[in-house]
């Protein structure tokens, strides 16, 4: 393979890696996010705190295939200071304990709105009890991290291939 071909190959491979990474990492246009009308949120229970607070544990039910609903008017928490803990990707079926809020004062209600459906929790909602299985922290960043590491490894391998080909080309030219 000539140096010219190696350079073109490296550029094409790098462009492909950047395109794949951008497709997965960057937010999609708003039209890609489906309205949340087919998703029904519900209050699973609350976890009382010892300091006059509670955590609301929410779940949801979705009849058909999964979808993505970004945080915004179709997927919001009240009070709005809690936004960001709710999921944005929704799987089909009944999904209990999808997320838990940070502690809120006992006198404050917490509502989760998905489309036109609303679920509201307060300190008097059903207690979760000792056997509650809370969701893992985060909202699916593991896949993005794996993709980012994969892209970095691929870029390193492309650079290594370029270096080896350049070295072979120089050796042939000089020898």
Protein backbone atom coordinates (compact mmCIF):
# COMPACT_ATOMS: atom_id res chain seq x y z
CA UNK A 1 0.00 0.00 0.00
CA UNK A 2 1.44 3.36 -0.95
CA UNK A 3 1.75 6.23 1.45
CA UNK A 4 -1.00 8.07 -0.42
CA UNK A 5 -3.37 5.11 0.04
CA UNK A 6 -2.42 4.75 3.71
CA UNK A 7 -3.20 8.42 4.34
CA UNK A 8 -6.55 8.16 2.56
CA UNK A 9 -7.37 5.00 4.53
CA UNK A 10 -6.47 6.67 7.82
CA UNK A 11 -8.56 9.74 7.01
CA UNK A 12 -11.57 7.64 5.98
CA UNK A 13 -11.29 5.50 9.11
CA UNK A 14 -10.99 8.57 11.33
CA UNK A 15 -13.98 10.21 9.65
CA UNK A 16 -16.03 7.05 10.17
CA UNK A 17 -15.07 6.92 13.86
CA UNK A 18 -16.00 10.59 14.35
CA UNK A 19 -19.33 10.10 12.57
CA UNK A 20 -20.22 7.08 14.70
CA UNK A 21 -19.22 8.86 17.92
CA UNK A 22 -21.15 12.00 17.01
CA UNK A 23 -24.25 9.99 16.13
CA UNK A 24 -24.29 8.28 19.50
CA UNK A 25 -23.02 11.05 21.79
CA UNK A 26 -24.58 14.23 20.41
CA UNK A 27 -28.27 14.85 21.11
CA UNK A 28 -30.64 14.05 18.30
CA UNK A 29 -32.88 16.69 16.80
CA UNK A 30 -36.12 17.29 18.71
CA UNK A 31 -38.20 15.50 16.07
CA UNK A 32 -36.39 12.26 16.98
CA UNK A 33 -37.85 12.29 20.49
CA UNK A 34 -41.32 10.84 20.52
CA UNK A 35 -44.08 12.42 22.61
CA UNK A 36 -44.53 10.76 25.96
CA UNK A 37 -48.25 10.05 25.59
CA UNK A 38 -47.85 6.27 25.62
CA UNK A 39 -45.91 6.24 28.92
CA UNK A 40 -47.69 6.25 32.28
CA UNK A 41 -45.64 7.29 35.34
CA UNK A 42 -46.56 6.06 38.82
CA UNK A 43 -45.37 6.46 42.41
CA UNK A 44 -43.86 3.22 43.66
CA UNK A 45 -43.36 4.38 47.23
CA UNK A 46 -41.46 6.84 49.41
CA UNK A 47 -38.44 6.38 51.63
CA UNK A 48 -38.86 8.44 54.82
CA UNK A 49 -35.74 10.20 56.05
CA UNK A 50 -34.87 10.74 59.71
CA UNK A 51 -34.41 14.48 59.16
CA UNK A 52 -37.92 15.51 58.07
CA UNK A 53 -37.39 14.56 54.43
CA UNK A 54 -38.39 11.74 52.10
CA UNK A 55 -37.29 10.32 48.76
CA UNK A 56 -39.93 9.59 46.13
CA UNK A 57 -39.46 6.40 44.11
CA UNK A 58 -41.13 6.48 40.68
CA UNK A 59 -41.75 3.87 38.02
CA UNK A 60 -43.48 3.87 34.66
CA UNK A 61 -45.48 1.63 32.37
CA UNK A 62 -45.05 1.56 28.61
CA UNK A 63 -47.19 -0.59 26.32
CA UNK A 64 -45.01 -0.73 23.21
CA UNK A 65 -41.35 -0.61 22.20
CA UNK A 66 -38.86 1.61 23.98
CA UNK A 67 -38.45 5.27 23.20
CA UNK A 68 -36.46 8.31 24.22
CA UNK A 69 -38.08 11.39 25.80
CA UNK A 70 -35.54 14.08 26.69
CA UNK A 71 -35.87 16.15 29.83
CA UNK A 72 -38.12 19.08 28.97
CA UNK A 73 -41.85 19.83 28.71
CA UNK A 74 -42.69 16.17 27.92
CA UNK A 75 -40.52 14.75 30.76
CA UNK A 76 -40.27 17.00 33.81
CA UNK A 77 -40.18 16.92 37.59
CA UNK A 78 -41.80 19.43 39.92
CA UNK A 79 -40.09 21.08 41.72
CA UNK A 80 -37.87 21.74 38.71
CA UNK A 81 -34.71 21.67 40.84
CA UNK A 82 -35.05 17.87 40.77
CA UNK A 83 -34.92 17.64 36.96
CA UNK A 84 -32.11 15.45 35.73
CA UNK A 85 -32.65 12.40 37.93
CA UNK A 86 -35.51 10.98 35.85
CA UNK A 87 -34.86 8.59 32.96
CA UNK A 88 -34.94 9.71 29.34
CA UNK A 89 -34.98 6.23 27.76
CA UNK A 90 -38.05 4.09 28.38
CA UNK A 91 -38.30 0.33 27.92
CA UNK A 92 -41.56 -1.49 27.24
CA UNK A 93 -43.45 -3.05 30.15
CA UNK A 94 -43.94 -2.16 33.80
CA UNK A 95 -40.72 -0.68 35.17
CA UNK A 96 -40.84 -0.28 38.93
CA UNK A 97 -38.30 1.84 40.83
CA UNK A 98 -37.00 3.51 37.66
CA UNK A 99 -35.49 6.29 39.78
CA UNK A 100 -35.54 7.90 43.21
CA UNK A 101 -35.43 11.62 43.91
CA UNK A 102 -32.94 13.23 46.24
CA UNK A 103 -34.41 13.98 49.70
CA UNK A 104 -37.19 16.61 49.71
CA UNK A 105 -38.89 18.24 52.72
CA UNK A 106 -41.91 16.34 54.09
CA UNK A 107 -44.23 19.26 53.34
CA UNK A 108 -43.35 19.34 49.63
CA UNK A 109 -44.95 17.24 46.89
CA UNK A 110 -42.97 15.78 44.00
CA UNK A 111 -44.63 15.30 40.60
CA UNK A 112 -43.32 13.54 37.51
CA UNK A 113 -44.97 14.58 34.25
CA UNK A 114 -44.61 12.43 31.13
CA UNK A 115 -46.63 13.93 28.29
CA UNK A 116 -50.09 14.49 29.75
CA UNK A 117 -49.75 11.87 32.53
CA UNK A 118 -48.72 12.97 36.02
CA UNK A 119 -47.74 10.99 39.12
CA UNK A 120 -47.48 12.86 42.44
CA UNK A 121 -45.77 11.71 45.63
CA UNK A 122 -45.81 13.21 49.10
CA UNK A 123 -44.52 12.20 52.52
CA UNK A 124 -47.80 10.31 53.15
CA UNK A 125 -47.46 8.08 50.05
CA UNK A 126 -46.92 4.35 50.61
CA UNK A 127 -43.68 3.62 52.50
CA UNK A 128 -41.18 1.51 50.54
CA UNK A 129 -40.25 -0.58 53.55
CA UNK A 130 -36.92 -2.31 54.17
CA UNK A 131 -36.86 -4.48 51.00
CA UNK A 132 -36.98 -1.71 48.40
CA UNK A 133 -34.68 -2.26 45.42
CA UNK A 134 -33.54 1.19 44.36
CA UNK A 135 -32.28 1.82 40.84
CA UNK A 136 -28.58 2.14 40.12
CA UNK A 137 -27.22 5.67 39.99
CA UNK A 138 -26.97 7.32 36.61
CA UNK A 139 -28.93 7.15 33.40
CA UNK A 140 -27.08 4.94 30.98
CA UNK A 141 -23.71 6.70 30.70
CA UNK A 142 -21.88 3.36 30.72
CA UNK A 143 -22.57 2.77 27.03
CA UNK A 144 -21.33 6.22 26.08
CA UNK A 145 -18.13 5.69 28.06
CA UNK A 146 -17.52 2.33 26.38
CA UNK A 147 -18.05 3.94 22.97
CA UNK A 148 -15.69 6.82 23.78
CA UNK A 149 -12.95 4.42 24.92
CA UNK A 150 -13.52 2.32 21.78
CA UNK A 151 -13.11 5.38 19.56
CA UNK A 152 -9.90 6.34 21.36
CA UNK A 153 -8.51 2.83 20.96
CA UNK A 154 -9.45 2.83 17.28
CA UNK A 155 -7.78 6.20 16.75
CA UNK A 156 -4.64 4.88 18.45
CA UNK A 157 -4.62 1.78 16.25
CA UNK A 158 -5.04 3.88 13.11
CA UNK A 159 -2.15 6.10 14.19
CA UNK A 160 0.01 3.02 14.88
CA UNK A 161 -0.80 1.64 11.43
CA UNK A 162 0.12 5.00 9.87
CA UNK A 163 3.43 5.04 11.72
CA UNK A 164 4.28 1.47 10.64
CA UNK A 165 3.40 2.15 7.02
CA UNK A 166 5.41 5.37 7.04
CA UNK A 167 8.38 3.52 8.48
CA UNK A 168 8.12 0.78 5.85
CA UNK A 169 7.88 3.38 3.10
CA UNK A 170 10.99 5.20 4.36
CA UNK A 171 12.92 1.91 4.63
CA UNK A 172 12.02 0.96 1.04
CA UNK A 173 12.91 4.39 -0.24
CA UNK A 174 16.28 4.49 1.50
CA UNK A 175 17.20 0.86 0.86
